[in-house]
Amino acid sequence: MSPSLDVIFLAKGDAPHASRLECLHQLGFSVQRCHDLKTLYACQAARPSKLLVLSASGADIQLASWRMRAIAPDIGIVALLRHASSAARIRALQSGADICLPADTDGLELAAILHALLRRMEATRMLPQPAARAATGVAPKRDKACMPDLPQWRLHGSR
């Protein structure tokens, strides 16, 4: 199995993921399933993956996204949200997720999105490295997920 098709799948709670996991497996993905955040971090440390799927509470998705983005800045993170309100998607994206999907997303769509993330990561890898960019005078962009001291966007209705 190609190491680029390794996926860590955090599935907290009783949400049914068997068909989704089976579909990913049939399409060539090697899935490591984790049931809690501690196991998630241990899986990434033991066998680093380029892709992460999070299906948990909003708070756990935010925490896992933020921490995994700090550990592996170039990891592709997909958040499966049970309550996909605009505010929930904004919070997940601000904490480091690349894309937010409804919790009932099927395996084929999830696989297509994971492949799209891999293509983006491959294209990004072809860009000049930060040292080469420094010579051109262009400053590298700062990652909001790794810079928690930066101001946060205010959500509608928040004060």
N, C-alpha and C. Protein backbone atom coordinates (compact mmCIF):
# COMPACT_ATOMS: atom_id res chain seq x y z
N MET A 1 0.84 -1.17 0.00
CA MET A 1 0.00 0.00 0.00
C MET A 1 0.89 1.24 0.00
N SER A 2 0.54 2.20 -0.79
CA SER A 2 1.30 3.44 -0.87
C SER A 2 1.18 4.22 0.43
N PRO A 3 2.32 4.71 0.97
CA PRO A 3 2.22 5.48 2.21
C PRO A 3 1.39 6.75 2.04
N SER A 4 1.27 7.25 0.81
CA SER A 4 0.47 8.46 0.60
C SER A 4 -1.02 8.21 0.76
N LEU A 5 -1.44 6.94 0.74
CA LEU A 5 -2.86 6.62 0.90
C LEU A 5 -3.20 6.20 2.33
N ASP A 6 -2.28 6.43 3.26
CA ASP A 6 -2.56 6.17 4.67
C ASP A 6 -3.49 7.25 5.20
N VAL A 7 -4.50 6.84 5.93
CA VAL A 7 -5.47 7.77 6.51
C VAL A 7 -5.66 7.41 7.98
N ILE A 8 -5.64 8.41 8.83
CA ILE A 8 -6.03 8.20 10.22
C ILE A 8 -7.47 8.69 10.34
N PHE A 9 -8.32 7.86 10.91
CA PHE A 9 -9.76 8.15 10.97
C PHE A 9 -10.17 8.17 12.44
N LEU A 10 -10.43 9.36 12.98
CA LEU A 10 -10.93 9.49 14.34
C LEU A 10 -12.44 9.38 14.30
N ALA A 11 -12.97 8.33 14.90
CA ALA A 11 -14.42 8.10 14.92
C ALA A 11 -14.86 7.97 16.36
N LYS A 12 -15.28 9.09 16.95
CA LYS A 12 -15.78 9.08 18.32
C LYS A 12 -17.28 8.92 18.31
N GLY A 13 -17.78 8.31 19.34
CA GLY A 13 -19.23 8.16 19.45
C GLY A 13 -19.72 6.93 18.72
N ASP A 14 -21.03 6.87 18.55
CA ASP A 14 -21.64 5.68 17.97
C ASP A 14 -22.03 5.88 16.51
N ALA A 15 -21.46 6.86 15.86
CA ALA A 15 -21.79 7.09 14.44
C ALA A 15 -21.32 5.90 13.61
N PRO A 16 -22.16 5.44 12.71
CA PRO A 16 -21.79 4.28 11.89
C PRO A 16 -20.79 4.66 10.79
N HIS A 17 -19.64 4.02 10.81
CA HIS A 17 -18.60 4.33 9.83
C HIS A 17 -18.17 3.11 9.03
N ALA A 18 -18.76 1.95 9.28
CA ALA A 18 -18.31 0.71 8.65
C ALA A 18 -18.33 0.79 7.13
N SER A 19 -19.42 1.28 6.55
CA SER A 19 -19.50 1.33 5.08
C SER A 19 -18.50 2.33 4.51
N ARG A 20 -18.31 3.44 5.20
CA ARG A 20 -17.35 4.45 4.76
C ARG A 20 -15.93 3.89 4.80
N LEU A 21 -15.59 3.20 5.89
CA LEU A 21 -14.26 2.62 6.03
C LEU A 21 -14.03 1.52 5.00
N GLU A 22 -15.04 0.70 4.76
CA GLU A 22 -14.93 -0.37 3.77
C GLU A 22 -14.72 0.21 2.37
N CYS A 23 -15.43 1.27 2.04
CA CYS A 23 -15.28 1.92 0.75
C CYS A 23 -13.85 2.47 0.58
N LEU A 24 -13.34 3.13 1.61
CA LEU A 24 -11.97 3.65 1.54
C LEU A 24 -10.97 2.51 1.34
N HIS A 25 -11.17 1.41 2.06
CA HIS A 25 -10.28 0.25 1.93
C HIS A 25 -10.33 -0.30 0.51
N GLN A 26 -11.52 -0.44 -0.06
CA GLN A 26 -11.66 -0.97 -1.42
C GLN A 26 -11.02 -0.05 -2.46
N LEU A 27 -10.94 1.23 -2.17
CA LEU A 27 -10.35 2.18 -3.10
C LEU A 27 -8.85 2.37 -2.87
N GLY A 28 -8.25 1.52 -2.03
CA GLY A 28 -6.80 1.52 -1.85
C GLY A 28 -6.26 2.30 -0.67
N PHE A 29 -7.12 2.82 0.18
CA PHE A 29 -6.66 3.55 1.36
C PHE A 29 -6.37 2.57 2.49
N SER A 30 -5.32 2.85 3.23
CA SER A 30 -5.00 2.09 4.43
C SER A 30 -5.45 2.94 5.61
N VAL A 31 -6.49 2.50 6.31
CA VAL A 31 -7.12 3.32 7.35
C VAL A 31 -6.74 2.83 8.73
N GLN A 32 -6.22 3.75 9.55
CA GLN A 32 -5.98 3.49 10.97
C GLN A 32 -7.14 4.14 11.72
N ARG A 33 -7.96 3.35 12.39
CA ARG A 33 -9.11 3.91 13.11
C ARG A 33 -8.73 4.18 14.56
N CYS A 34 -9.07 5.36 15.03
CA CYS A 34 -8.83 5.76 16.42
C CYS A 34 -10.17 6.12 17.05
N HIS A 35 -10.29 5.85 18.34
CA HIS A 35 -11.54 6.12 19.04
C HIS A 35 -11.45 7.31 20.00
N ASP A 36 -10.23 7.81 20.23
CA ASP A 36 -10.08 8.96 21.12
C ASP A 36 -8.86 9.79 20.70
N LEU A 37 -8.74 10.97 21.27
CA LEU A 37 -7.66 11.88 20.89
C LEU A 37 -6.28 11.34 21.24
N LYS A 38 -6.16 10.69 22.39
CA LYS A 38 -4.87 10.14 22.80
C LYS A 38 -4.37 9.12 21.78
N THR A 39 -5.26 8.25 21.33
CA THR A 39 -4.89 7.24 20.34
C THR A 39 -4.56 7.91 19.00
N LEU A 40 -5.29 8.96 18.66
CA LEU A 40 -5.02 9.69 17.42
C LEU A 40 -3.59 10.21 17.39
N TYR A 41 -3.17 10.87 18.47
CA TYR A 41 -1.82 11.43 18.53
C TYR A 41 -0.77 10.32 18.52
N ALA A 42 -1.06 9.21 19.19
CA ALA A 42 -0.13 8.07 19.20
C ALA A 42 0.01 7.47 17.81
N CYS A 43 -1.10 7.34 17.08
CA CYS A 43 -1.06 6.81 15.71
C CYS A 43 -0.21 7.69 14.81
N GLN A 44 -0.39 9.01 14.91
CA GLN A 44 0.38 9.92 14.07
C GLN A 44 1.86 9.87 14.43
N ALA A 45 2.18 9.70 15.70
CA ALA A 45 3.59 9.62 16.12
C ALA A 45 4.23 8.31 15.65
N ALA A 46 3.48 7.21 15.75
CA ALA A 46 4.02 5.90 15.39
C ALA A 46 4.12 5.71 13.88
N ARG A 47 3.12 6.14 13.16
CA ARG A 47 3.07 5.94 11.71
C ARG A 47 2.43 7.19 11.08
N PRO A 48 3.25 8.21 10.81
CA PRO A 48 2.71 9.47 10.30
C PRO A 48 1.89 9.29 9.03
N SER A 49 0.82 10.03 8.96
CA SER A 49 -0.08 9.99 7.82
C SER A 49 -0.22 11.39 7.24
N LYS A 50 -0.48 11.45 5.93
CA LYS A 50 -0.70 12.75 5.28
C LYS A 50 -2.16 13.17 5.33
N LEU A 51 -3.04 12.22 5.71
CA LEU A 51 -4.47 12.49 5.69
C LEU A 51 -5.12 12.14 7.02
N LEU A 52 -6.08 12.96 7.42
CA LEU A 52 -6.78 12.76 8.68
C LEU A 52 -8.26 13.06 8.47
N VAL A 53 -9.11 12.14 8.93
CA VAL A 53 -10.56 12.35 8.90
C VAL A 53 -11.03 12.38 10.35
N LEU A 54 -11.77 13.42 10.71
CA LEU A 54 -12.24 13.59 12.08
C LEU A 54 -13.76 13.52 12.12
N SER A 55 -14.29 12.58 12.89
CA SER A 55 -15.73 12.49 13.11
C SER A 55 -15.93 12.40 14.62
N ALA A 56 -16.19 13.54 15.22
CA ALA A 56 -16.29 13.64 16.68
C ALA A 56 -17.13 14.87 17.02
N SER A 57 -17.15 15.22 18.29
CA SER A 57 -17.85 16.45 18.70
C SER A 57 -17.10 17.65 18.13
N GLY A 58 -17.79 18.78 18.04
CA GLY A 58 -17.17 19.99 17.52
C GLY A 58 -15.92 20.38 18.29
N ALA A 59 -15.97 20.28 19.62
CA ALA A 59 -14.81 20.64 20.44
C ALA A 59 -13.63 19.72 20.18
N ASP A 60 -13.89 18.41 20.05
CA ASP A 60 -12.81 17.46 19.77
C ASP A 60 -12.24 17.67 18.37
N ILE A 61 -13.09 18.00 17.42
CA ILE A 61 -12.60 18.28 16.06
C ILE A 61 -11.69 19.51 16.08
N GLN A 62 -12.10 20.55 16.81
CA GLN A 62 -11.27 21.76 16.89
C GLN A 62 -9.94 21.47 17.56
N LEU A 63 -9.96 20.76 18.67
CA LEU A 63 -8.73 20.44 19.39
C LEU A 63 -7.81 19.57 18.54
N ALA A 64 -8.36 18.52 17.93
CA ALA A 64 -7.55 17.62 17.11
C ALA A 64 -6.99 18.35 15.89
N SER A 65 -7.79 19.19 15.24
CA SER A 65 -7.32 19.94 14.08
C SER A 65 -6.18 20.86 14.46
N TRP A 66 -6.37 21.60 15.53
CA TRP A 66 -5.34 22.55 15.96
C TRP A 66 -4.04 21.84 16.31
N ARG A 67 -4.15 20.77 17.09
CA ARG A 67 -2.94 20.06 17.53
C ARG A 67 -2.26 19.32 16.38
N MET A 68 -3.05 18.66 15.53
CA MET A 68 -2.44 17.93 14.40
C MET A 68 -1.82 18.90 13.40
N ARG A 69 -2.42 20.07 13.22
CA ARG A 69 -1.83 21.07 12.32
C ARG A 69 -0.50 21.56 12.88
N ALA A 70 -0.38 21.66 14.22
CA ALA A 70 0.88 22.07 14.83
C ALA A 70 1.93 20.96 14.72
N ILE A 71 1.50 19.70 14.85
CA ILE A 71 2.42 18.56 14.75
C ILE A 71 2.87 18.34 13.31
N ALA A 72 1.93 18.37 12.38
CA ALA A 72 2.20 18.09 10.97
C ALA A 72 1.54 19.17 10.12
N PRO A 73 2.23 20.29 9.88
CA PRO A 73 1.61 21.43 9.19
C PRO A 73 1.02 21.12 7.81
N ASP A 74 1.55 20.12 7.13
CA ASP A 74 1.07 19.84 5.78
C ASP A 74 0.05 18.70 5.70
N ILE A 75 -0.48 18.26 6.83
CA ILE A 75 -1.47 17.18 6.84
C ILE A 75 -2.80 17.68 6.26
N GLY A 76 -3.49 16.81 5.53
CA GLY A 76 -4.81 17.14 5.00
C GLY A 76 -5.87 16.70 5.99
N ILE A 77 -6.69 17.64 6.45
CA ILE A 77 -7.68 17.35 7.50
C ILE A 77 -9.09 17.55 6.97
N VAL A 78 -9.90 16.48 7.08
CA VAL A 78 -11.31 16.52 6.71
C VAL A 78 -12.13 16.38 7.99
N ALA A 79 -13.03 17.32 8.24
CA ALA A 79 -13.89 17.27 9.42
C ALA A 79 -15.30 16.85 8.99
N LEU A 80 -15.80 15.78 9.60
CA LEU A 80 -17.18 15.34 9.37
C LEU A 80 -18.02 15.86 10.52
N LEU A 81 -18.86 16.84 10.25
CA LEU A 81 -19.60 17.53 11.30
C LEU A 81 -21.03 17.02 11.41
N ARG A 82 -21.42 16.69 12.64
CA ARG A 82 -22.81 16.26 12.89
C ARG A 82 -23.77 17.42 12.73
N HIS A 83 -23.37 18.58 13.19
CA HIS A 83 -24.19 19.79 13.09
C HIS A 83 -23.41 20.77 12.22
N ALA A 84 -23.65 20.72 10.92
CA ALA A 84 -22.85 21.48 9.97
C ALA A 84 -23.37 22.90 9.77
N SER A 85 -23.59 23.60 10.87
CA SER A 85 -24.00 25.00 10.77
C SER A 85 -22.81 25.83 10.28
N SER A 86 -23.09 27.01 9.81
CA SER A 86 -22.04 27.89 9.34
C SER A 86 -21.02 28.16 10.44
N ALA A 87 -21.49 28.42 11.66
CA ALA A 87 -20.58 28.70 12.78
C ALA A 87 -19.70 27.49 13.09
N ALA A 88 -20.25 26.28 13.04
CA ALA A 88 -19.46 25.07 13.31
C ALA A 88 -18.39 24.88 12.24
N ARG A 89 -18.74 25.13 10.98
CA ARG A 89 -17.76 25.00 9.90
C ARG A 89 -16.66 26.04 10.05
N ILE A 90 -17.02 27.27 10.39
CA ILE A 90 -16.03 28.32 10.58
C ILE A 90 -15.06 27.95 11.68
N ARG A 91 -15.58 27.47 12.81
CA ARG A 91 -14.70 27.08 13.93
C ARG A 91 -13.76 25.95 13.52
N ALA A 92 -14.27 24.96 12.81
CA ALA A 92 -13.42 23.84 12.38
C ALA A 92 -12.34 24.31 11.40
N LEU A 93 -12.71 25.16 10.47
CA LEU A 93 -11.74 25.67 9.50
C LEU A 93 -10.70 26.55 10.16
N GLN A 94 -11.12 27.39 11.11
CA GLN A 94 -10.17 28.25 11.81
C GLN A 94 -9.20 27.45 12.67
N SER A 95 -9.61 26.29 13.12
CA SER A 95 -8.72 25.50 13.96
C SER A 95 -7.82 24.57 13.15
N GLY A 96 -7.95 24.57 11.82
CA GLY A 96 -6.99 23.84 11.00
C GLY A 96 -7.55 22.85 10.00
N ALA A 97 -8.85 22.59 10.01
CA ALA A 97 -9.41 21.66 9.03
C ALA A 97 -9.32 22.27 7.63
N ASP A 98 -9.10 21.41 6.64
CA ASP A 98 -9.06 21.87 5.25
C ASP A 98 -10.44 21.92 4.63
N ILE A 99 -11.30 21.01 5.04
CA ILE A 99 -12.65 20.94 4.48
C ILE A 99 -13.59 20.38 5.53
N CYS A 100 -14.83 20.85 5.51
CA CYS A 100 -15.87 20.37 6.43
C CYS A 100 -16.99 19.76 5.61
N LEU A 101 -17.42 18.58 6.03
CA LEU A 101 -18.49 17.85 5.34
C LEU A 101 -19.54 17.43 6.34
N PRO A 102 -20.76 17.17 5.87
CA PRO A 102 -21.78 16.63 6.78
C PRO A 102 -21.39 15.23 7.23
N ALA A 103 -21.82 14.84 8.40
CA ALA A 103 -21.46 13.54 8.98
C ALA A 103 -21.95 12.37 8.14
N ASP A 104 -22.97 12.58 7.32
CA ASP A 104 -23.50 11.47 6.52
C ASP A 104 -22.87 11.36 5.13
N THR A 105 -21.74 12.02 4.90
CA THR A 105 -21.04 11.93 3.63
C THR A 105 -20.66 10.48 3.36
N ASP A 106 -20.91 10.01 2.13
CA ASP A 106 -20.61 8.60 1.84
C ASP A 106 -19.13 8.40 1.52
N GLY A 107 -18.73 7.14 1.46
CA GLY A 107 -17.33 6.77 1.28
C GLY A 107 -16.74 7.21 -0.04
N LEU A 108 -17.52 7.17 -1.13
CA LEU A 108 -16.99 7.59 -2.43
C LEU A 108 -16.66 9.07 -2.46
N GLU A 109 -17.55 9.89 -1.90
CA GLU A 109 -17.28 11.33 -1.85
C GLU A 109 -16.08 11.62 -0.96
N LEU A 110 -16.00 10.94 0.17
CA LEU A 110 -14.86 11.13 1.07
C LEU A 110 -13.56 10.74 0.37
N ALA A 111 -13.56 9.63 -0.35
CA ALA A 111 -12.36 9.19 -1.08
C ALA A 111 -11.96 10.22 -2.13
N ALA A 112 -12.93 10.77 -2.85
CA ALA A 112 -12.63 11.78 -3.86
C ALA A 112 -12.01 13.02 -3.23
N ILE A 113 -12.51 13.41 -2.08
CA ILE A 113 -11.97 14.58 -1.39
C ILE A 113 -10.56 14.30 -0.88
N LEU A 114 -10.32 13.11 -0.36
CA LEU A 114 -8.97 12.75 0.09
C LEU A 114 -7.99 12.76 -1.08
N HIS A 115 -8.41 12.25 -2.24
CA HIS A 115 -7.55 12.29 -3.42
C HIS A 115 -7.28 13.74 -3.84
N ALA A 116 -8.28 14.61 -3.76
CA ALA A 116 -8.09 16.02 -4.10
C ALA A 116 -7.09 16.68 -3.14
N LEU A 117 -7.17 16.35 -1.86
CA LEU A 117 -6.20 16.89 -0.90
C LEU A 117 -4.80 16.41 -1.22
N LEU A 118 -4.65 15.13 -1.60
CA LEU A 118 -3.34 14.61 -1.98
C LEU A 118 -2.78 15.35 -3.20
N ARG A 119 -3.64 15.62 -4.19
CA ARG A 119 -3.18 16.36 -5.38
C ARG A 119 -2.73 17.76 -4.99
N ARG A 120 -3.48 18.42 -4.10
CA ARG A 120 -3.09 19.76 -3.65
C ARG A 120 -1.75 19.74 -2.92
N MET A 121 -1.57 18.72 -2.07
CA MET A 121 -0.31 18.62 -1.32
C MET A 121 0.86 18.37 -2.27
N GLU A 122 0.65 17.55 -3.29
CA GLU A 122 1.69 17.28 -4.28
C GLU A 122 2.03 18.55 -5.05
N ALA A 123 1.03 19.31 -5.45
CA ALA A 123 1.27 20.56 -6.17
C ALA A 123 1.99 21.57 -5.28
N THR A 124 1.63 21.62 -4.01
CA THR A 124 2.27 22.54 -3.07
C THR A 124 3.73 22.17 -2.87
N ARG A 125 4.02 20.88 -2.87
CA ARG A 125 5.39 20.41 -2.68
C ARG A 125 6.29 20.89 -3.82
N MET A 126 5.72 21.13 -5.00
CA MET A 126 6.50 21.57 -6.16
C MET A 126 6.86 23.05 -6.08
N LEU A 127 6.22 23.81 -5.19
CA LEU A 127 6.53 25.23 -5.03
C LEU A 127 7.90 25.39 -4.39
N PRO A 128 8.56 26.54 -4.61
CA PRO A 128 9.86 26.77 -3.97
C PRO A 128 9.74 26.69 -2.45
N GLN A 129 10.78 26.18 -1.82
CA GLN A 129 10.82 26.07 -0.37
C GLN A 129 10.97 27.45 0.26
N PRO A 130 10.68 27.61 1.56
CA PRO A 130 10.75 28.93 2.21
C PRO A 130 12.08 29.64 2.03
N ALA A 131 13.21 28.93 2.05
CA ALA A 131 14.51 29.57 1.88
C ALA A 131 14.60 30.21 0.50
N ALA A 132 14.08 29.54 -0.52
CA ALA A 132 14.09 30.09 -1.87
C ALA A 132 13.16 31.30 -1.96
N ARG A 133 12.04 31.26 -1.27
CA ARG A 133 11.12 32.40 -1.28
C ARG A 133 11.72 33.60 -0.57
N ALA A 134 12.53 33.37 0.48
CA ALA A 134 13.15 34.47 1.21
C ALA A 134 14.07 35.27 0.30
N ALA A 135 14.73 34.60 -0.64
CA ALA A 135 15.62 35.28 -1.56
C ALA A 135 14.85 36.20 -2.50
N THR A 136 13.59 35.89 -2.77
CA THR A 136 12.78 36.72 -3.66
C THR A 136 12.15 37.90 -2.94
N GLY A 137 12.24 37.92 -1.62
CA GLY A 137 11.66 39.01 -0.84
C GLY A 137 10.21 38.81 -0.48
N VAL A 138 9.64 37.65 -0.81
CA VAL A 138 8.25 37.37 -0.48
C VAL A 138 8.21 36.64 0.86
N ALA A 139 7.54 37.20 1.81
CA ALA A 139 7.45 36.57 3.14
C ALA A 139 6.48 35.41 3.11
N PRO A 140 6.81 34.30 3.78
CA PRO A 140 5.87 33.17 3.83
C PRO A 140 4.63 33.54 4.63
N LYS A 141 3.50 32.96 4.24
CA LYS A 141 2.25 33.21 4.96
C LYS A 141 2.28 32.53 6.32
N ARG A 142 1.64 33.13 7.30
CA ARG A 142 1.56 32.56 8.64
C ARG A 142 0.32 31.70 8.74
N ASP A 143 0.49 30.57 9.38
CA ASP A 143 -0.62 29.63 9.54
C ASP A 143 -1.42 30.00 10.79
N LYS A 144 -2.69 30.35 10.60
CA LYS A 144 -3.54 30.78 11.71
C LYS A 144 -3.70 29.69 12.76
N ALA A 145 -3.77 28.42 12.32
CA ALA A 145 -3.96 27.33 13.27
C ALA A 145 -2.76 27.18 14.19
N CYS A 146 -1.58 27.53 13.70
CA CYS A 146 -0.36 27.41 14.51
C CYS A 146 -0.04 28.71 15.23
N MET A 147 -0.83 29.72 15.02
CA MET A 147 -0.62 31.03 15.64
C MET A 147 -1.86 31.43 16.43
N PRO A 148 -2.14 30.76 17.55
CA PRO A 148 -3.38 31.04 18.27
C PRO A 148 -3.48 32.44 18.84
N ASP A 149 -2.36 33.19 18.90
CA ASP A 149 -2.41 34.53 19.45
C ASP A 149 -2.93 35.56 18.45
N LEU A 150 -3.11 35.16 17.19
CA LEU A 150 -3.65 36.08 16.20
C LEU A 150 -5.13 36.32 16.47
N PRO A 151 -5.65 37.48 16.07
CA PRO A 151 -7.07 37.75 16.31
C PRO A 151 -7.96 36.75 15.56
N GLN A 152 -9.05 36.37 16.18
CA GLN A 152 -10.00 35.42 15.59
C GLN A 152 -11.14 36.21 14.96
N TRP A 153 -11.75 35.64 13.91
CA TRP A 153 -12.93 36.25 13.33
C TRP A 153 -14.07 36.14 14.32
N ARG A 154 -14.89 37.14 14.35
CA ARG A 154 -16.06 37.08 15.23
C ARG A 154 -17.19 36.40 14.48
N LEU A 155 -17.83 35.47 15.13
CA LEU A 155 -18.96 34.78 14.54
C LEU A 155 -20.21 35.63 14.71
N HIS A 156 -21.15 35.46 13.80
CA HIS A 156 -22.41 36.19 13.84
C HIS A 156 -23.07 35.97 15.20
N GLY A 157 -23.42 37.03 15.86
CA GLY A 157 -24.10 36.94 17.14
C GLY A 157 -23.16 36.89 18.33
N SER A 158 -21.83 36.79 18.10
CA SER A 158 -20.92 36.76 19.25
C SER A 158 -20.52 38.18 19.62
N ARG A 159 -20.16 38.37 20.86
CA ARG A 159 -19.78 39.70 21.34
C ARG A 159 -18.39 39.68 21.86
